[in-house]
PDB file of N, CA and C in Angstrom:
ATOM      1  N   MET A   1       2.474 -38.037 -10.835  1.00  0.00           N
ATOM      2  CA  MET A   1       1.930 -37.418 -11.545  1.00  0.00           C
ATOM      3  C   MET A   1       2.380 -36.367 -12.553  1.00  0.00           C
ATOM      4  N   ASN A   2       2.168 -36.580 -14.084  1.00  0.00           N
ATOM      5  CA  ASN A   2       2.781 -35.733 -15.027  1.00  0.00           C
ATOM      6  C   ASN A   2       1.603 -35.104 -15.323  1.00  0.00           C
ATOM      7  N   VAL A   3       1.747 -33.985 -15.224  1.00  0.00           N
ATOM      8  CA  VAL A   3       0.645 -32.628 -14.873  1.00  0.00           C
ATOM      9  C   VAL A   3       0.662 -32.420 -16.741  1.00  0.00           C
ATOM     10  N   ALA A   4       1.653 -32.303 -17.359  1.00  0.00           N
ATOM     11  CA  ALA A   4       1.170 -31.242 -18.836  1.00  0.00           C
ATOM     12  C   ALA A   4       0.918 -32.629 -19.310  1.00  0.00           C
ATOM     13  N   LYS A   5       0.959 -34.396 -19.218  1.00  0.00           N
ATOM     14  CA  LYS A   5       0.320 -35.458 -19.958  1.00  0.00           C
ATOM     15  C   LYS A   5      -1.237 -35.410 -19.288  1.00  0.00           C
ATOM     16  N   ASN A   6      -1.810 -35.160 -18.353  1.00  0.00           N
ATOM     17  CA  ASN A   6      -3.419 -35.117 -17.730  1.00  0.00           C
ATOM     18  C   ASN A   6      -3.787 -33.379 -17.746  1.00  0.00           C
ATOM     19  N   ALA A   7      -3.203 -32.604 -18.430  1.00  0.00           N
ATOM     20  CA  ALA A   7      -3.609 -31.080 -18.178  1.00  0.00           C
ATOM     21  C   ALA A   7      -4.609 -31.070 -19.014  1.00  0.00           C
ATOM     22  N   ASN A   8      -4.867 -31.104 -19.945  1.00  0.00           N
ATOM     23  CA  ASN A   8      -6.608 -31.248 -20.738  1.00  0.00           C
ATOM     24  C   ASN A   8      -7.394 -31.701 -19.695  1.00  0.00           C
ATOM     25  N   SER A   9      -7.591 -32.936 -19.060  1.00  0.00           N
ATOM     26  CA  SER A   9      -8.504 -34.008 -18.549  1.00  0.00           C
ATOM     27  C   SER A   9      -8.434 -33.137 -16.743  1.00  0.00           C
ATOM     28  N   ASN A  10      -7.711 -32.428 -16.227  1.00  0.00           N
ATOM     29  CA  ASN A  10      -7.509 -32.244 -14.837  1.00  0.00           C
ATOM     30  C   ASN A  10      -8.278 -30.826 -14.741  1.00  0.00           C
ATOM     31  N   GLU A  11      -9.972 -31.247 -14.323  1.00  0.00           N
ATOM     32  CA  GLU A  11     -10.638 -29.700 -14.051  1.00  0.00           C
ATOM     33  C   GLU A  11     -10.139 -28.739 -12.563  1.00  0.00           C
ATOM     34  N   SER A  12      -9.103 -29.396 -12.020  1.00  0.00           N
ATOM     35  CA  SER A  12      -8.417 -28.408 -11.058  1.00  0.00           C
ATOM     36  C   SER A  12      -7.520 -27.815 -11.440  1.00  0.00           C
ATOM     37  N   LEU A  13      -6.899 -28.174 -12.789  1.00  0.00           N
ATOM     38  CA  LEU A  13      -5.327 -27.499 -13.230  1.00  0.00           C
ATOM     39  C   LEU A  13      -5.048 -25.998 -12.655  1.00  0.00           C
ATOM     40  N   ASN A  14      -5.505 -25.288 -12.248  1.00  0.00           N
ATOM     41  CA  ASN A  14      -5.003 -23.557 -12.150  1.00  0.00           C
ATOM     42  C   ASN A  14      -4.659 -24.172 -10.902  1.00  0.00           C
ATOM     43  N   THR A  15      -5.543 -24.315  -9.545  1.00  0.00           N
ATOM     44  CA  THR A  15      -5.454 -25.010  -8.239  1.00  0.00           C
ATOM     45  C   THR A  15      -4.117 -25.751  -7.701  1.00  0.00           C
ATOM     46  N   ASP A  16      -4.493 -26.965  -8.993  1.00  0.00           N
ATOM     47  CA  ASP A  16      -3.452 -27.617  -8.569  1.00  0.00           C
ATOM     48  C   ASP A  16      -1.620 -26.725  -8.863  1.00  0.00           C
ATOM     49  N   LEU A  17      -1.426 -26.344 -10.255  1.00  0.00           N
ATOM     50  CA  LEU A  17      -0.719 -25.512 -10.422  1.00  0.00           C
ATOM     51  C   LEU A  17      -0.117 -24.506  -9.180  1.00  0.00           C
ATOM     52  N   ALA A  18      -1.241 -24.119  -8.483  1.00  0.00           N
ATOM     53  CA  ALA A  18      -0.597 -23.184  -7.371  1.00  0.00           C
ATOM     54  C   ALA A  18      -0.207 -23.634  -6.612  1.00  0.00           C
ATOM     55  N   TYR A  19      -0.481 -24.745  -6.513  1.00  0.00           N
ATOM     56  CA  TYR A  19       0.103 -25.414  -5.192  1.00  0.00           C
ATOM     57  C   TYR A  19       0.892 -26.419  -5.653  1.00  0.00           C
ATOM     58  N   ILE A  20       1.369 -26.726  -6.771  1.00  0.00           N
ATOM     59  CA  ILE A  20       3.043 -27.160  -7.184  1.00  0.00           C
ATOM     60  C   ILE A  20       4.103 -26.113  -6.967  1.00  0.00           C
ATOM     61  N   PHE A  21       3.927 -24.625  -7.596  1.00  0.00           N
ATOM     62  CA  PHE A  21       4.403 -23.867  -7.651  1.00  0.00           C
ATOM     63  C   PHE A  21       4.856 -23.593  -6.199  1.00  0.00           C
ATOM     64  N   THR A  22       4.291 -23.156  -5.275  1.00  0.00           N
ATOM     65  CA  THR A  22       4.372 -22.650  -3.951  1.00  0.00           C
ATOM     66  C   THR A  22       5.106 -24.269  -3.534  1.00  0.00           C
ATOM     67  N   ASN A  23       4.766 -25.553  -3.833  1.00  0.00           N
ATOM     68  CA  ASN A  23       5.756 -25.913  -2.823  1.00  0.00           C
ATOM     69  C   ASN A  23       6.998 -26.640  -3.816  1.00  0.00           C
ATOM     70  N   ILE A  24       7.300 -26.548  -4.879  1.00  0.00           N
ATOM     71  CA  ILE A  24       8.599 -26.095  -5.394  1.00  0.00           C
ATOM     72  C   ILE A  24       9.426 -24.662  -4.836  1.00  0.00           C
ATOM     73  N   GLU A  25       8.572 -24.044  -4.430  1.00  0.00           N
ATOM     74  CA  GLU A  25       9.226 -22.691  -4.254  1.00  0.00           C
ATOM     75  C   GLU A  25      10.002 -22.750  -2.276  1.00  0.00           C
ATOM     76  N   ALA A  26       8.607 -23.746  -1.399  1.00  0.00           N
ATOM     77  CA  ALA A  26       8.999 -24.316  -0.087  1.00  0.00           C
ATOM     78  C   ALA A  26      10.013 -25.273  -0.235  1.00  0.00           C
ATOM     79  N   SER A  27      10.081 -25.930  -1.344  1.00  0.00           N
ATOM     80  CA  SER A  27      11.139 -27.262  -1.541  1.00  0.00           C
ATOM     81  C   SER A  27      12.750 -26.586  -1.137  1.00  0.00           C
ATOM     82  N   ALA A  28      13.277 -25.640  -1.235  1.00  0.00           N
ATOM     83  CA  ALA A  28      14.308 -24.608  -1.554  1.00  0.00           C
ATOM     84  C   ALA A  28      14.775 -23.908  -0.141  1.00  0.00           C
ATOM     85  N   SER A  29      14.039 -23.800   0.393  1.00  0.00           N
ATOM     86  CA  SER A  29      13.578 -23.002   2.021  1.00  0.00           C
ATOM     87  C   SER A  29      15.119 -23.671   2.487  1.00  0.00           C
ATOM     88  N   GLY A  30      16.005 -22.968   2.966  1.00  0.00           N
ATOM     89  CA  GLY A  30      16.964 -23.341   3.756  1.00  0.00           C
ATOM     90  C   GLY A  30      18.136 -24.065   2.797  1.00  0.00           C
ATOM     91  N   PHE A  31      18.124 -24.393   1.562  1.00  0.00           N
ATOM     92  CA  PHE A  31      19.066 -24.399   0.827  1.00  0.00           C
ATOM     93  C   PHE A  31      19.506 -23.625  -0.262  1.00  0.00           C
ATOM     94  N   PRO A  32      21.016 -23.584  -0.560  1.00  0.00           N
ATOM     95  CA  PRO A  32      21.524 -22.323  -1.334  1.00  0.00           C
ATOM     96  C   PRO A  32      20.826 -22.010  -2.425  1.00  0.00           C
ATOM     97  N   SER A  33      20.195 -22.687  -3.234  1.00  0.00           N
ATOM     98  CA  SER A  33      19.209 -22.649  -4.219  1.00  0.00           C
ATOM     99  C   SER A  33      17.884 -21.352  -3.880  1.00  0.00           C
ATOM    100  N   GLU A  34      17.388 -21.069  -2.270  1.00  0.00           N
ATOM    101  CA  GLU A  34      16.579 -20.511  -2.044  1.00  0.00           C
ATOM    102  C   GLU A  34      16.871 -19.097  -2.446  1.00  0.00           C
ATOM    103  N   ARG A  35      17.781 -18.688  -2.597  1.00  0.00           N
ATOM    104  CA  ARG A  35      17.441 -17.339  -2.942  1.00  0.00           C
ATOM    105  C   ARG A  35      17.013 -17.068  -4.699  1.00  0.00           C
ATOM    106  N   ASP A  36      17.528 -17.954  -5.398  1.00  0.00           N
ATOM    107  CA  ASP A  36      17.224 -17.910  -6.735  1.00  0.00           C
ATOM    108  C   ASP A  36      15.515 -18.865  -7.087  1.00  0.00           C
ATOM    109  N   ILE A  37      15.255 -19.598  -6.144  1.00  0.00           N
ATOM    110  CA  ILE A  37      13.687 -20.199  -6.119  1.00  0.00           C
ATOM    111  C   ILE A  37      13.090 -19.342  -6.120  1.00  0.00           C
ATOM    112  N   LYS A  38      13.061 -18.610  -4.926  1.00  0.00           N
ATOM    113  CA  LYS A  38      12.000 -18.046  -4.248  1.00  0.00           C
ATOM    114  C   LYS A  38      11.287 -17.048  -4.925  1.00  0.00           C
ATOM    115  N   GLY A  39       9.864 -16.659  -5.030  1.00  0.00           N
ATOM    116  CA  GLY A  39       9.570 -15.997  -5.826  1.00  0.00           C
ATOM    117  C   GLY A  39       9.515 -16.103  -7.554  1.00  0.00           C
ATOM    118  N   LEU A  40       9.693 -17.345  -7.769  1.00  0.00           N
ATOM    119  CA  LEU A  40      10.048 -17.855  -9.627  1.00  0.00           C
ATOM    120  C   LEU A  40       8.480 -17.858  -9.535  1.00  0.00           C
ATOM    121  N   PHE A  41       7.561 -17.779  -9.443  1.00  0.00           N
ATOM    122  CA  PHE A  41       6.875 -18.042  -9.816  1.00  0.00           C
ATOM    123  C   PHE A  41       5.017 -17.479  -9.057  1.00  0.00           C
ATOM    124  N   ALA A  42       5.582 -16.056  -8.654  1.00  0.00           N
ATOM    125  CA  ALA A  42       5.293 -14.636  -8.158  1.00  0.00           C
ATOM    126  C   ALA A  42       4.179 -14.108  -9.386  1.00  0.00           C
ATOM    127  N   ASN A  43       4.613 -14.181 -10.621  1.00  0.00           N
ATOM    128  CA  ASN A  43       3.776 -13.327 -11.461  1.00  0.00           C
ATOM    129  C   ASN A  43       3.319 -14.570 -12.424  1.00  0.00           C
ATOM    130  N   PHE A  44       3.668 -15.743 -12.355  1.00  0.00           N
ATOM    131  CA  PHE A  44       2.455 -16.917 -12.625  1.00  0.00           C
ATOM    132  C   PHE A  44       0.933 -17.024 -11.645  1.00  0.00           C
ATOM    133  N   ASP A  45      -0.110 -16.023 -12.135  1.00  0.00           N
ATOM    134  CA  ASP A  45      -1.101 -15.920 -11.303  1.00  0.00           C
ATOM    135  C   ASP A  45      -2.427 -16.949 -11.995  1.00  0.00           C
ATOM    136  N   THR A  46      -2.236 -18.035 -11.502  1.00  0.00           N
ATOM    137  CA  THR A  46      -3.015 -19.456 -12.062  1.00  0.00           C
ATOM    138  C   THR A  46      -5.198 -19.140 -12.335  1.00  0.00           C
ATOM    139  N   THR A  47      -5.257 -17.809 -11.556  1.00  0.00           N
ATOM    140  CA  THR A  47      -6.373 -17.964 -11.080  1.00  0.00           C
ATOM    141  C   THR A  47      -6.810 -16.412 -11.668  1.00  0.00           C
ATOM    142  N   ASN A  48      -6.060 -15.374 -12.763  1.00  0.00           N
ATOM    143  CA  ASN A  48      -6.357 -14.060 -13.412  1.00  0.00           C
ATOM    144  C   ASN A  48      -7.078 -14.691 -14.521  1.00  0.00           C
ATOM    145  N   ASN A  49      -8.071 -13.466 -14.033  1.00  0.00           N
ATOM    146  CA  ASN A  49      -8.842 -13.620 -15.222  1.00  0.00           C
ATOM    147  C   ASN A  49      -8.391 -13.338 -17.042  1.00  0.00           C
ATOM    148  N   ARG A  50      -7.053 -13.222 -17.053  1.00  0.00           N
ATOM    149  CA  ARG A  50      -6.765 -13.151 -18.498  1.00  0.00           C
ATOM    150  C   ARG A  50      -6.524 -14.273 -18.810  1.00  0.00           C
ATOM    151  N   LEU A  51      -6.455 -15.593 -18.143  1.00  0.00           N
ATOM    152  CA  LEU A  51      -6.419 -16.961 -18.805  1.00  0.00           C
ATOM    153  C   LEU A  51      -7.891 -17.302 -19.261  1.00  0.00           C
ATOM    154  N   GLY A  52      -9.301 -16.421 -18.374  1.00  0.00           N
ATOM    155  CA  GLY A  52     -10.442 -16.862 -19.293  1.00  0.00           C
ATOM    156  C   GLY A  52     -10.701 -16.669 -18.176  1.00  0.00           C
ATOM    157  N   ASN A  53     -12.558 -16.343 -18.243  1.00  0.00           N
ATOM    158  CA  ASN A  53     -13.659 -16.233 -17.526  1.00  0.00           C
ATOM    159  C   ASN A  53     -14.558 -16.871 -16.685  1.00  0.00           C
ATOM    160  N   THR A  54     -13.885 -17.986 -16.945  1.00  0.00           N
ATOM    161  CA  THR A  54     -13.981 -19.615 -16.432  1.00  0.00           C
ATOM    162  C   THR A  54     -12.920 -20.269 -15.628  1.00  0.00           C
ATOM    163  N   VAL A  55     -13.551 -21.271 -14.400  1.00  0.00           N
ATOM    164  CA  VAL A  55     -11.947 -21.980 -14.689  1.00  0.00           C
ATOM    165  C   VAL A  55     -11.885 -23.057 -16.041  1.00  0.00           C
ATOM    166  N   LYS A  56     -12.751 -23.130 -16.062  1.00  0.00           N
ATOM    167  CA  LYS A  56     -13.036 -24.724 -17.841  1.00  0.00           C
ATOM    168  C   LYS A  56     -11.880 -23.706 -18.848  1.00  0.00           C
ATOM    169  N   ASP A  57     -12.335 -21.836 -18.919  1.00  0.00           N
ATOM    170  CA  ASP A  57     -11.256 -21.639 -19.245  1.00  0.00           C
ATOM    171  C   ASP A  57     -10.224 -21.512 -19.222  1.00  0.00           C
ATOM    172  N   LYS A  58      -9.895 -21.106 -17.967  1.00  0.00           N
ATOM    173  CA  LYS A  58      -8.487 -20.832 -17.708  1.00  0.00           C
ATOM    174  C   LYS A  58      -7.491 -22.052 -17.655  1.00  0.00           C
ATOM    175  N   ASN A  59      -8.318 -23.476 -17.160  1.00  0.00           N
ATOM    176  CA  ASN A  59      -7.789 -24.403 -17.716  1.00  0.00           C
ATOM    177  C   ASN A  59      -6.952 -25.190 -18.502  1.00  0.00           C
ATOM    178  N   ALA A  60      -7.943 -24.593 -20.116  1.00  0.00           N
ATOM    179  CA  ALA A  60      -7.778 -25.235 -21.263  1.00  0.00           C
ATOM    180  C   ALA A  60      -6.621 -24.108 -21.708  1.00  0.00           C
ATOM    181  N   ARG A  61      -6.844 -22.801 -21.334  1.00  0.00           N
ATOM    182  CA  ARG A  61      -5.019 -21.960 -21.864  1.00  0.00           C
ATOM    183  C   ARG A  61      -3.990 -22.532 -20.682  1.00  0.00           C
ATOM    184  N   LEU A  62      -3.849 -22.759 -19.541  1.00  0.00           N
ATOM    185  CA  LEU A  62      -2.990 -23.240 -18.671  1.00  0.00           C
ATOM    186  C   LEU A  62      -2.101 -24.902 -19.516  1.00  0.00           C
ATOM    187  N   ALA A  63      -3.233 -25.513 -20.098  1.00  0.00           N
ATOM    188  CA  ALA A  63      -3.200 -26.988 -20.773  1.00  0.00           C
ATOM    189  C   ALA A  63      -2.232 -26.963 -21.601  1.00  0.00           C
ATOM    190  N   THR A  64      -2.457 -25.791 -22.950  1.00  0.00           N
ATOM    191  CA  THR A  64      -2.104 -25.280 -24.224  1.00  0.00           C
ATOM    192  C   THR A  64      -0.663 -24.777 -23.471  1.00  0.00           C
ATOM    193  N   VAL A  65      -0.232 -23.888 -22.551  1.00  0.00           N
ATOM    194  CA  VAL A  65       1.266 -23.475 -22.217  1.00  0.00           C
ATOM    195  C   VAL A  65       1.396 -24.533 -22.129  1.00  0.00           C
ATOM    196  N   LEU A  66       1.476 -25.560 -20.631  1.00  0.00           N
ATOM    197  CA  LEU A  66       2.279 -26.268 -20.229  1.00  0.00           C
ATOM    198  C   LEU A  66       2.527 -27.813 -21.428  1.00  0.00           C
ATOM    199  N   LYS A  67       1.738 -27.718 -22.338  1.00  0.00           N
ATOM    200  CA  LYS A  67       2.014 -28.938 -23.462  1.00  0.00           C
ATOM    201  C   LYS A  67       3.626 -27.930 -24.296  1.00  0.00           C
ATOM    202  N   GLY A  68       3.212 -26.813 -25.096  1.00  0.00           N
ATOM    203  CA  GLY A  68       4.313 -26.214 -25.371  1.00  0.00           C
ATOM    204  C   GLY A  68       5.510 -26.492 -24.743  1.00  0.00           C
ATOM    205  N   LEU A  69       5.413 -25.869 -22.924  1.00  0.00           N
ATOM    206  CA  LEU A  69       6.911 -25.887 -22.476  1.00  0.00           C
ATOM    207  C   LEU A  69       7.143 -27.322 -22.361  1.00  0.00           C
ATOM    208  N   ALA A  70       6.401 -28.565 -22.324  1.00  0.00           N
ATOM    209  CA  ALA A  70       6.351 -29.814 -22.219  1.00  0.00           C
ATOM    210  C   ALA A  70       7.144 -30.629 -23.813  1.00  0.00           C
ATOM    211  N   GLU A  71       6.806 -29.995 -24.778  1.00  0.00           N
ATOM    212  CA  GLU A  71       7.598 -29.930 -26.027  1.00  0.00           C
ATOM    213  C   GLU A  71       9.069 -29.322 -26.013  1.00  0.00           C
ATOM    214  N   LEU A  72       8.700 -28.231 -25.569  1.00  0.00           N
ATOM    215  CA  LEU A  72      10.081 -27.781 -25.535  1.00  0.00           C
ATOM    216  C   LEU A  72      11.201 -28.742 -24.612  1.00  0.00           C
ATOM    217  N   VAL A  73      10.324 -28.868 -23.506  1.00  0.00           N
ATOM    218  CA  VAL A  73      11.550 -29.745 -22.963  1.00  0.00           C
ATOM    219  C   VAL A  73      11.704 -31.021 -23.624  1.00  0.00           C
ATOM    220  N   LEU A  74      11.336 -31.197 -24.180  1.00  0.00           N
ATOM    221  CA  LEU A  74      11.329 -32.943 -25.179  1.00  0.00           C
ATOM    222  C   LEU A  74      12.506 -32.430 -26.392  1.00  0.00           C
ATOM    223  N   ARG A  75      12.558 -31.514 -26.820  1.00  0.00           N
ATOM    224  CA  ARG A  75      13.552 -31.541 -27.830  1.00  0.00           C
ATOM    225  C   ARG A  75      15.188 -31.409 -27.373  1.00  0.00           C
TER     226      ARG A  75
END
């Protein structure tokens, strides 16, 4: 699933991202990259009220961030 592509319509984007970040970190466990990956997303709190007061607001802000990142990668 392309998270950035579907971000605007994903009603559980914030929890999906938290799950994805946790799994990315866990995937490096036991590999040389573990030191580099562990804690990589520690400061990216997808439930923080600074993103918005409601889940809908948080998801809208997160979708905007993901779209911006996707555009950077495509350049």
